[in-house]
Amino acid sequence: DACALAESCRREFAQAIGDCDLLLTAPTSGEAPLGLEATGNASLCILWTTLHVPAITIPAFRGPNGLPFGAQLIGRHHRDRALLSAARWAMRVLAA
């Protein structure tokens, strides 16, 4: 049942985002954790894996502890190159 639901969601995703080229989402609930023991909670990313769409996380700004806080860009199915191009542009804009 879960596989059938995921397949149904994949079909509906393209219609749901309309003619948007990509989505901008949060990859985590906060900035990177202190120390090297953990990388943070990636549960917000599982949706994009389930939908089989490309996703990339880029550093967007710094949080209260001075650690990176990311932005996640989500592309259309089979549009990996377009997403990478958008991420490259976003990185240049955010670095300015």
PDB file of N, CA and C in Angstrom:
ATOM      1  N   ASP A   1       0.813  -1.199   0.000  1.00  0.00           N
ATOM      2  CA  ASP A   1       0.000   0.000   0.000  1.00  0.00           C
ATOM      3  C   ASP A   1       0.859   1.266   0.000  1.00  0.00           C
ATOM      4  N   ALA A   2       1.970   1.209   0.779  1.00  0.00           N
ATOM      5  CA  ALA A   2       2.857   2.372   0.845  1.00  0.00           C
ATOM      6  C   ALA A   2       3.497   2.648  -0.510  1.00  0.00           C
ATOM      7  N   CYS A   3       3.883   1.594  -1.218  1.00  0.00           N
ATOM      8  CA  CYS A   3       4.487   1.777  -2.543  1.00  0.00           C
ATOM      9  C   CYS A   3       3.483   2.365  -3.531  1.00  0.00           C
ATOM     10  N   ALA A   4       2.248   1.910  -3.460  1.00  0.00           N
ATOM     11  CA  ALA A   4       1.209   2.447  -4.348  1.00  0.00           C
ATOM     12  C   ALA A   4       0.945   3.914  -4.042  1.00  0.00           C
ATOM     13  N   LEU A   5       0.927   4.258  -2.760  1.00  0.00           N
ATOM     14  CA  LEU A   5       0.729   5.658  -2.379  1.00  0.00           C
ATOM     15  C   LEU A   5       1.884   6.526  -2.883  1.00  0.00           C
ATOM     16  N   ALA A   6       3.115   6.043  -2.721  1.00  0.00           N
ATOM     17  CA  ALA A   6       4.280   6.803  -3.194  1.00  0.00           C
ATOM     18  C   ALA A   6       4.201   7.014  -4.704  1.00  0.00           C
ATOM     19  N   GLU A   7       3.817   5.994  -5.439  1.00  0.00           N
ATOM     20  CA  GLU A   7       3.697   6.117  -6.897  1.00  0.00           C
ATOM     21  C   GLU A   7       2.620   7.126  -7.269  1.00  0.00           C
ATOM     22  N   SER A   8       1.527   7.117  -6.566  1.00  0.00           N
ATOM     23  CA  SER A   8       0.455   8.086  -6.811  1.00  0.00           C
ATOM     24  C   SER A   8       0.947   9.506  -6.546  1.00  0.00           C
ATOM     25  N   CYS A   9       1.688   9.679  -5.461  1.00  0.00           N
ATOM     26  CA  CYS A   9       2.237  11.003  -5.123  1.00  0.00           C
ATOM     27  C   CYS A   9       3.224  11.473  -6.180  1.00  0.00           C
ATOM     28  N   ARG A  10       4.017  10.561  -6.737  1.00  0.00           N
ATOM     29  CA  ARG A  10       4.959  10.935  -7.799  1.00  0.00           C
ATOM     30  C   ARG A  10       4.218  11.479  -9.008  1.00  0.00           C
ATOM     31  N   ARG A  11       3.118  10.848  -9.355  1.00  0.00           N
ATOM     32  CA  ARG A  11       2.335  11.320 -10.506  1.00  0.00           C
ATOM     33  C   ARG A  11       1.740  12.702 -10.237  1.00  0.00           C
ATOM     34  N   GLU A  12       1.317  12.934  -9.017  1.00  0.00           N
ATOM     35  CA  GLU A  12       0.661  14.191  -8.671  1.00  0.00           C
ATOM     36  C   GLU A  12       1.634  15.340  -8.421  1.00  0.00           C
ATOM     37  N   PHE A  13       2.888  15.025  -8.121  1.00  0.00           N
ATOM     38  CA  PHE A  13       3.849  16.069  -7.774  1.00  0.00           C
ATOM     39  C   PHE A  13       4.039  17.075  -8.908  1.00  0.00           C
ATOM     40  N   ALA A  14       4.214  16.588 -10.123  1.00  0.00           N
ATOM     41  CA  ALA A  14       4.432  17.487 -11.266  1.00  0.00           C
ATOM     42  C   ALA A  14       3.259  18.451 -11.426  1.00  0.00           C
ATOM     43  N   GLN A  15       2.049  17.978 -11.223  1.00  0.00           N
ATOM     44  CA  GLN A  15       0.878  18.852 -11.315  1.00  0.00           C
ATOM     45  C   GLN A  15       0.835  19.825 -10.144  1.00  0.00           C
ATOM     46  N   ALA A  16       1.250  19.369  -8.973  1.00  0.00           N
ATOM     47  CA  ALA A  16       1.177  20.200  -7.767  1.00  0.00           C
ATOM     48  C   ALA A  16       2.094  21.417  -7.843  1.00  0.00           C
ATOM     49  N   ILE A  17       3.274  21.254  -8.462  1.00  0.00           N
ATOM     50  CA  ILE A  17       4.180  22.399  -8.521  1.00  0.00           C
ATOM     51  C   ILE A  17       3.919  23.277  -9.746  1.00  0.00           C
ATOM     52  N   GLY A  18       2.964  22.884 -10.561  1.00  0.00           N
ATOM     53  CA  GLY A  18       2.585  23.705 -11.701  1.00  0.00           C
ATOM     54  C   GLY A  18       3.753  23.968 -12.633  1.00  0.00           C
ATOM     55  N   ASP A  19       3.951  25.230 -13.015  1.00  0.00           N
ATOM     56  CA  ASP A  19       5.044  25.541 -13.929  1.00  0.00           C
ATOM     57  C   ASP A  19       6.260  26.118 -13.206  1.00  0.00           C
ATOM     58  N   CYS A  20       6.366  25.873 -11.905  1.00  0.00           N
ATOM     59  CA  CYS A  20       7.561  26.278 -11.158  1.00  0.00           C
ATOM     60  C   CYS A  20       8.752  25.436 -11.610  1.00  0.00           C
ATOM     61  N   ASP A  21       9.906  26.059 -11.720  1.00  0.00           N
ATOM     62  CA  ASP A  21      11.107  25.327 -12.103  1.00  0.00           C
ATOM     63  C   ASP A  21      11.678  24.528 -10.945  1.00  0.00           C
ATOM     64  N   LEU A  22      11.533  25.073  -9.731  1.00  0.00           N
ATOM     65  CA  LEU A  22      12.037  24.375  -8.553  1.00  0.00           C
ATOM     66  C   LEU A  22      11.337  24.886  -7.314  1.00  0.00           C
ATOM     67  N   LEU A  23      11.506  24.146  -6.235  1.00  0.00           N
ATOM     68  CA  LEU A  23      10.968  24.535  -4.934  1.00  0.00           C
ATOM     69  C   LEU A  23      12.125  24.858  -4.010  1.00  0.00           C
ATOM     70  N   LEU A  24      11.889  25.760  -3.096  1.00  0.00           N
ATOM     71  CA  LEU A  24      12.863  26.114  -2.069  1.00  0.00           C
ATOM     72  C   LEU A  24      12.276  25.660  -0.738  1.00  0.00           C
ATOM     73  N   THR A  25      12.995  24.799  -0.031  1.00  0.00           N
ATOM     74  CA  THR A  25      12.509  24.267   1.237  1.00  0.00           C
ATOM     75  C   THR A  25      13.632  24.269   2.275  1.00  0.00           C
ATOM     76  N   ALA A  26      13.260  23.983   3.492  1.00  0.00           N
ATOM     77  CA  ALA A  26      14.247  23.813   4.561  1.00  0.00           C
ATOM     78  C   ALA A  26      14.690  22.350   4.580  1.00  0.00           C
ATOM     79  N   PRO A  27      15.989  22.079   4.620  1.00  0.00           N
ATOM     80  CA  PRO A  27      16.451  20.696   4.674  1.00  0.00           C
ATOM     81  C   PRO A  27      16.441  20.118   6.090  1.00  0.00           C
ATOM     82  N   THR A  28      16.467  20.985   7.089  1.00  0.00           N
ATOM     83  CA  THR A  28      16.466  20.575   8.490  1.00  0.00           C
ATOM     84  C   THR A  28      15.666  21.597   9.288  1.00  0.00           C
ATOM     85  N   SER A  29      15.557  21.343  10.568  1.00  0.00           N
ATOM     86  CA  SER A  29      14.798  22.258  11.407  1.00  0.00           C
ATOM     87  C   SER A  29      15.664  23.355  12.029  1.00  0.00           C
ATOM     88  N   GLY A  30      16.934  23.406  11.679  1.00  0.00           N
ATOM     89  CA  GLY A  30      17.794  24.432  12.248  1.00  0.00           C
ATOM     90  C   GLY A  30      19.191  24.396  11.665  1.00  0.00           C
ATOM     91  N   GLU A  31      20.080  25.131  12.291  1.00  0.00           N
ATOM     92  CA  GLU A  31      21.460  25.174  11.810  1.00  0.00           C
ATOM     93  C   GLU A  31      22.158  23.852  12.088  1.00  0.00           C
ATOM     94  N   ALA A  32      23.322  23.689  11.497  1.00  0.00           N
ATOM     95  CA  ALA A  32      24.113  22.482  11.712  1.00  0.00           C
ATOM     96  C   ALA A  32      24.389  22.313  13.208  1.00  0.00           C
ATOM     97  N   PRO A  33      24.414  21.063  13.682  1.00  0.00           N
ATOM     98  CA  PRO A  33      24.671  20.848  15.105  1.00  0.00           C
ATOM     99  C   PRO A  33      26.133  21.115  15.462  1.00  0.00           C
ATOM    100  N   LEU A  34      26.343  21.474  16.706  1.00  0.00           N
ATOM    101  CA  LEU A  34      27.706  21.663  17.214  1.00  0.00           C
ATOM    102  C   LEU A  34      28.416  20.316  17.268  1.00  0.00           C
ATOM    103  N   GLY A  35      29.725  20.307  17.023  1.00  0.00           N
ATOM    104  CA  GLY A  35      30.514  19.084  17.135  1.00  0.00           C
ATOM    105  C   GLY A  35      30.444  18.219  15.899  1.00  0.00           C
ATOM    106  N   LEU A  36      31.089  17.066  15.998  1.00  0.00           N
ATOM    107  CA  LEU A  36      31.167  16.151  14.858  1.00  0.00           C
ATOM    108  C   LEU A  36      30.404  14.856  15.095  1.00  0.00           C
ATOM    109  N   GLU A  37      29.646  14.777  16.183  1.00  0.00           N
ATOM    110  CA  GLU A  37      28.957  13.543  16.521  1.00  0.00           C
ATOM    111  C   GLU A  37      27.727  13.277  15.662  1.00  0.00           C
ATOM    112  N   ALA A  38      27.132  14.323  15.099  1.00  0.00           N
ATOM    113  CA  ALA A  38      25.900  14.161  14.322  1.00  0.00           C
ATOM    114  C   ALA A  38      25.875  15.173  13.178  1.00  0.00           C
ATOM    115  N   THR A  39      25.082  14.864  12.180  1.00  0.00           N
ATOM    116  CA  THR A  39      24.941  15.770  11.041  1.00  0.00           C
ATOM    117  C   THR A  39      23.597  16.488  11.052  1.00  0.00           C
ATOM    118  N   GLY A  40      22.761  16.184  12.033  1.00  0.00           N
ATOM    119  CA  GLY A  40      21.448  16.807  12.101  1.00  0.00           C
ATOM    120  C   GLY A  40      20.359  15.853  11.665  1.00  0.00           C
ATOM    121  N   ASN A  41      19.132  16.295  11.783  1.00  0.00           N
ATOM    122  CA  ASN A  41      17.966  15.490  11.447  1.00  0.00           C
ATOM    123  C   ASN A  41      17.589  15.745   9.992  1.00  0.00           C
ATOM    124  N   ALA A  42      17.684  14.725   9.170  1.00  0.00           N
ATOM    125  CA  ALA A  42      17.392  14.867   7.742  1.00  0.00           C
ATOM    126  C   ALA A  42      15.984  14.396   7.386  1.00  0.00           C
ATOM    127  N   SER A  43      15.096  14.306   8.365  1.00  0.00           N
ATOM    128  CA  SER A  43      13.759  13.768   8.100  1.00  0.00           C
ATOM    129  C   SER A  43      12.958  14.606   7.102  1.00  0.00           C
ATOM    130  N   LEU A  44      13.286  15.889   6.969  1.00  0.00           N
ATOM    131  CA  LEU A  44      12.566  16.725   5.999  1.00  0.00           C
ATOM    132  C   LEU A  44      12.943  16.383   4.557  1.00  0.00           C
ATOM    133  N   CYS A  45      14.000  15.611   4.380  1.00  0.00           N
ATOM    134  CA  CYS A  45      14.476  15.262   3.035  1.00  0.00           C
ATOM    135  C   CYS A  45      13.840  13.991   2.490  1.00  0.00           C
ATOM    136  N   ILE A  46      13.255  13.175   3.332  1.00  0.00           N
ATOM    137  CA  ILE A  46      12.753  11.864   2.902  1.00  0.00           C
ATOM    138  C   ILE A  46      11.648  11.982   1.846  1.00  0.00           C
ATOM    139  N   LEU A  47      10.890  13.051   1.900  1.00  0.00           N
ATOM    140  CA  LEU A  47       9.822  13.248   0.919  1.00  0.00           C
ATOM    141  C   LEU A  47      10.374  13.268  -0.503  1.00  0.00           C
ATOM    142  N   TRP A  48      11.476  13.973  -0.710  1.00  0.00           N
ATOM    143  CA  TRP A  48      12.033  14.127  -2.059  1.00  0.00           C
ATOM    144  C   TRP A  48      12.621  12.818  -2.560  1.00  0.00           C
ATOM    145  N   THR A  49      13.179  12.028  -1.661  1.00  0.00           N
ATOM    146  CA  THR A  49      13.666  10.697  -2.028  1.00  0.00           C
ATOM    147  C   THR A  49      12.495   9.825  -2.454  1.00  0.00           C
ATOM    148  N   THR A  50      11.422   9.879  -1.699  1.00  0.00           N
ATOM    149  CA  THR A  50      10.232   9.081  -2.018  1.00  0.00           C
ATOM    150  C   THR A  50       9.639   9.483  -3.358  1.00  0.00           C
ATOM    151  N   LEU A  51       9.666  10.784  -3.658  1.00  0.00           N
ATOM    152  CA  LEU A  51       9.103  11.275  -4.923  1.00  0.00           C
ATOM    153  C   LEU A  51      10.043  11.083  -6.112  1.00  0.00           C
ATOM    154  N   HIS A  52      11.284  10.651  -5.853  1.00  0.00           N
ATOM    155  CA  HIS A  52      12.283  10.441  -6.916  1.00  0.00           C
ATOM    156  C   HIS A  52      12.585  11.725  -7.681  1.00  0.00           C
ATOM    157  N   VAL A  53      12.665  12.828  -6.965  1.00  0.00           N
ATOM    158  CA  VAL A  53      13.018  14.094  -7.597  1.00  0.00           C
ATOM    159  C   VAL A  53      14.394  14.538  -7.087  1.00  0.00           C
ATOM    160  N   PRO A  54      15.140  15.270  -7.907  1.00  0.00           N
ATOM    161  CA  PRO A  54      16.461  15.727  -7.470  1.00  0.00           C
ATOM    162  C   PRO A  54      16.352  16.811  -6.406  1.00  0.00           C
ATOM    163  N   ALA A  55      17.258  16.752  -5.453  1.00  0.00           N
ATOM    164  CA  ALA A  55      17.295  17.736  -4.370  1.00  0.00           C
ATOM    165  C   ALA A  55      18.756  18.032  -4.038  1.00  0.00           C
ATOM    166  N   ILE A  56      19.026  19.281  -3.722  1.00  0.00           N
ATOM    167  CA  ILE A  56      20.376  19.670  -3.328  1.00  0.00           C
ATOM    168  C   ILE A  56      20.261  20.696  -2.204  1.00  0.00           C
ATOM    169  N   THR A  57      21.133  20.561  -1.226  1.00  0.00           N
ATOM    170  CA  THR A  57      21.159  21.507  -0.114  1.00  0.00           C
ATOM    171  C   THR A  57      22.388  22.381  -0.234  1.00  0.00           C
ATOM    172  N   ILE A  58      22.179  23.672  -0.099  1.00  0.00           N
ATOM    173  CA  ILE A  58      23.286  24.625  -0.171  1.00  0.00           C
ATOM    174  C   ILE A  58      23.295  25.451   1.118  1.00  0.00           C
ATOM    175  N   PRO A  59      24.459  25.916   1.541  1.00  0.00           N
ATOM    176  CA  PRO A  59      24.485  26.787   2.720  1.00  0.00           C
ATOM    177  C   PRO A  59      23.839  28.127   2.365  1.00  0.00           C
ATOM    178  N   ALA A  60      22.911  28.563   3.208  1.00  0.00           N
ATOM    179  CA  ALA A  60      22.184  29.801   2.911  1.00  0.00           C
ATOM    180  C   ALA A  60      22.635  30.956   3.795  1.00  0.00           C
ATOM    181  N   PHE A  61      22.792  30.687   5.068  1.00  0.00           N
ATOM    182  CA  PHE A  61      23.250  31.718   6.003  1.00  0.00           C
ATOM    183  C   PHE A  61      23.745  31.019   7.257  1.00  0.00           C
ATOM    184  N   ARG A  62      24.121  31.771   8.242  1.00  0.00           N
ATOM    185  CA  ARG A  62      24.629  31.201   9.496  1.00  0.00           C
ATOM    186  C   ARG A  62      23.574  31.345  10.589  1.00  0.00           C
ATOM    187  N   GLY A  63      23.491  30.325  11.435  1.00  0.00           N
ATOM    188  CA  GLY A  63      22.554  30.329  12.543  1.00  0.00           C
ATOM    189  C   GLY A  63      23.141  31.021  13.765  1.00  0.00           C
ATOM    190  N   PRO A  64      22.446  30.967  14.891  1.00  0.00           N
ATOM    191  CA  PRO A  64      22.881  31.638  16.116  1.00  0.00           C
ATOM    192  C   PRO A  64      24.255  31.200  16.618  1.00  0.00           C
ATOM    193  N   ASN A  65      24.646  29.959  16.351  1.00  0.00           N
ATOM    194  CA  ASN A  65      25.953  29.470  16.789  1.00  0.00           C
ATOM    195  C   ASN A  65      27.045  29.697  15.743  1.00  0.00           C
ATOM    196  N   GLY A  66      26.705  30.403  14.662  1.00  0.00           N
ATOM    197  CA  GLY A  66      27.674  30.666  13.613  1.00  0.00           C
ATOM    198  C   GLY A  66      27.868  29.507  12.653  1.00  0.00           C
ATOM    199  N   LEU A  67      27.021  28.491  12.771  1.00  0.00           N
ATOM    200  CA  LEU A  67      27.128  27.320  11.897  1.00  0.00           C
ATOM    201  C   LEU A  67      26.154  27.454  10.727  1.00  0.00           C
ATOM    202  N   PRO A  68      26.423  26.725   9.639  1.00  0.00           N
ATOM    203  CA  PRO A  68      25.582  26.859   8.454  1.00  0.00           C
ATOM    204  C   PRO A  68      24.122  26.460   8.679  1.00  0.00           C
ATOM    205  N   PHE A  69      23.270  27.192   8.028  1.00  0.00           N
ATOM    206  CA  PHE A  69      21.849  26.870   7.944  1.00  0.00           C
ATOM    207  C   PHE A  69      21.575  26.742   6.454  1.00  0.00           C
ATOM    208  N   GLY A  70      21.083  25.598   6.041  1.00  0.00           N
ATOM    209  CA  GLY A  70      20.948  25.328   4.615  1.00  0.00           C
ATOM    210  C   GLY A  70      19.606  25.696   4.027  1.00  0.00           C
ATOM    211  N   ALA A  71      19.602  25.731   2.721  1.00  0.00           N
ATOM    212  CA  ALA A  71      18.386  25.855   1.922  1.00  0.00           C
ATOM    213  C   ALA A  71      18.396  24.671   0.966  1.00  0.00           C
ATOM    214  N   GLN A  72      17.264  24.056   0.804  1.00  0.00           N
ATOM    215  CA  GLN A  72      17.194  22.909  -0.095  1.00  0.00           C
ATOM    216  C   GLN A  72      16.405  23.289  -1.336  1.00  0.00           C
ATOM    217  N   LEU A  73      16.982  22.998  -2.481  1.00  0.00           N
ATOM    218  CA  LEU A  73      16.330  23.236  -3.763  1.00  0.00           C
ATOM    219  C   LEU A  73      15.846  21.895  -4.295  1.00  0.00           C
ATOM    220  N   ILE A  74      14.610  21.854  -4.734  1.00  0.00           N
ATOM    221  CA  ILE A  74      13.993  20.638  -5.239  1.00  0.00           C
ATOM    222  C   ILE A  74      13.644  20.853  -6.699  1.00  0.00           C
ATOM    223  N   GLY A  75      14.092  19.947  -7.552  1.00  0.00           N
ATOM    224  CA  GLY A  75      13.821  20.070  -8.980  1.00  0.00           C
ATOM    225  C   GLY A  75      12.736  19.125  -9.455  1.00  0.00           C
ATOM    226  N   ARG A  76      12.449  19.235 -10.712  1.00  0.00           N
ATOM    227  CA  ARG A  76      11.479  18.331 -11.349  1.00  0.00           C
ATOM    228  C   ARG A  76      12.135  16.991 -11.657  1.00  0.00           C
ATOM    229  N   HIS A  77      11.324  15.972 -11.745  1.00  0.00           N
ATOM    230  CA  HIS A  77      11.787  14.622 -12.076  1.00  0.00           C
ATOM    231  C   HIS A  77      12.586  14.649 -13.387  1.00  0.00           C
ATOM    232  N   HIS A  78      13.757  14.048 -13.370  1.00  0.00           N
ATOM    233  CA  HIS A  78      14.661  13.972 -14.535  1.00  0.00           C
ATOM    234  C   HIS A  78      15.208  15.334 -14.978  1.00  0.00           C
ATOM    235  N   ARG A  79      15.189  16.330 -14.101  1.00  0.00           N
ATOM    236  CA  ARG A  79      15.706  17.657 -14.445  1.00  0.00           C
ATOM    237  C   ARG A  79      16.886  18.012 -13.547  1.00  0.00           C
ATOM    238  N   ASP A  80      17.763  17.040 -13.340  1.00  0.00           N
ATOM    239  CA  ASP A  80      18.914  17.209 -12.453  1.00  0.00           C
ATOM    240  C   ASP A  80      19.827  18.351 -12.899  1.00  0.00           C
ATOM    241  N   ARG A  81      20.112  18.425 -14.186  1.00  0.00           N
ATOM    242  CA  ARG A  81      21.004  19.483 -14.686  1.00  0.00           C
ATOM    243  C   ARG A  81      20.433  20.873 -14.429  1.00  0.00           C
ATOM    244  N   ALA A  82      19.146  21.025 -14.643  1.00  0.00           N
ATOM    245  CA  ALA A  82      18.506  22.321 -14.395  1.00  0.00           C
ATOM    246  C   ALA A  82      18.606  22.682 -12.914  1.00  0.00           C
ATOM    247  N   LEU A  83      18.442  21.691 -12.043  1.00  0.00           N
ATOM    248  CA  LEU A  83      18.554  21.949 -10.613  1.00  0.00           C
ATOM    249  C   LEU A  83      19.983  22.342 -10.243  1.00  0.00           C
ATOM    250  N   LEU A  84      20.968  21.647 -10.782  1.00  0.00           N
ATOM    251  CA  LEU A  84      22.363  21.988 -10.488  1.00  0.00           C
ATOM    252  C   LEU A  84      22.703  23.391 -10.984  1.00  0.00           C
ATOM    253  N   SER A  85      22.171  23.764 -12.122  1.00  0.00           N
ATOM    254  CA  SER A  85      22.390  25.109 -12.648  1.00  0.00           C
ATOM    255  C   SER A  85      21.767  26.153 -11.721  1.00  0.00           C
ATOM    256  N   ALA A  86      20.554  25.884 -11.246  1.00  0.00           N
ATOM    257  CA  ALA A  86      19.895  26.808 -10.323  1.00  0.00           C
ATOM    258  C   ALA A  86      20.656  26.896  -9.006  1.00  0.00           C
ATOM    259  N   ALA A  87      21.187  25.780  -8.535  1.00  0.00           N
ATOM    260  CA  ALA A  87      21.957  25.781  -7.287  1.00  0.00           C
ATOM    261  C   ALA A  87      23.244  26.585  -7.439  1.00  0.00           C
ATOM    262  N   ARG A  88      23.886  26.460  -8.577  1.00  0.00           N
ATOM    263  CA  ARG A  88      25.108  27.240  -8.836  1.00  0.00           C
ATOM    264  C   ARG A  88      24.779  28.736  -8.817  1.00  0.00           C
ATOM    265  N   TRP A  89      23.674  29.125  -9.453  1.00  0.00           N
ATOM    266  CA  TRP A  89      23.247  30.528  -9.446  1.00  0.00           C
ATOM    267  C   TRP A  89      22.939  30.984  -8.024  1.00  0.00           C
ATOM    268  N   ALA A  90      22.193  30.170  -7.257  1.00  0.00           N
ATOM    269  CA  ALA A  90      21.827  30.534  -5.890  1.00  0.00           C
ATOM    270  C   ALA A  90      23.064  30.701  -5.017  1.00  0.00           C
ATOM    271  N   MET A  91      24.052  29.855  -5.187  1.00  0.00           N
ATOM    272  CA  MET A  91      25.286  29.959  -4.402  1.00  0.00           C
ATOM    273  C   MET A  91      25.994  31.293  -4.700  1.00  0.00           C
ATOM    274  N   ARG A  92      26.017  31.689  -5.964  1.00  0.00           N
ATOM    275  CA  ARG A  92      26.655  32.971  -6.322  1.00  0.00           C
ATOM    276  C   ARG A  92      25.890  34.129  -5.706  1.00  0.00           C
ATOM    277  N   VAL A  93      24.576  34.092  -5.755  1.00  0.00           N
ATOM    278  CA  VAL A  93      23.740  35.165  -5.202  1.00  0.00           C
ATOM    279  C   VAL A  93      23.911  35.245  -3.686  1.00  0.00           C
ATOM    280  N   LEU A  94      23.902  34.111  -3.013  1.00  0.00           N
ATOM    281  CA  LEU A  94      24.013  34.099  -1.560  1.00  0.00           C
ATOM    282  C   LEU A  94      25.406  34.521  -1.097  1.00  0.00           C
ATOM    283  N   ALA A  95      26.410  34.295  -1.922  1.00  0.00           N
ATOM    284  CA  ALA A  95      27.785  34.660  -1.554  1.00  0.00           C
ATOM    285  C   ALA A  95      28.038  36.145  -1.733  1.00  0.00           C
ATOM    286  N   ALA A  96      27.202  36.808  -2.517  1.00  0.00           N
ATOM    287  CA  ALA A  96      27.401  38.239  -2.813  1.00  0.00           C
ATOM    288  C   ALA A  96      27.096  39.126  -1.633  1.00  0.00           C
TER     289      ALA A  96
END
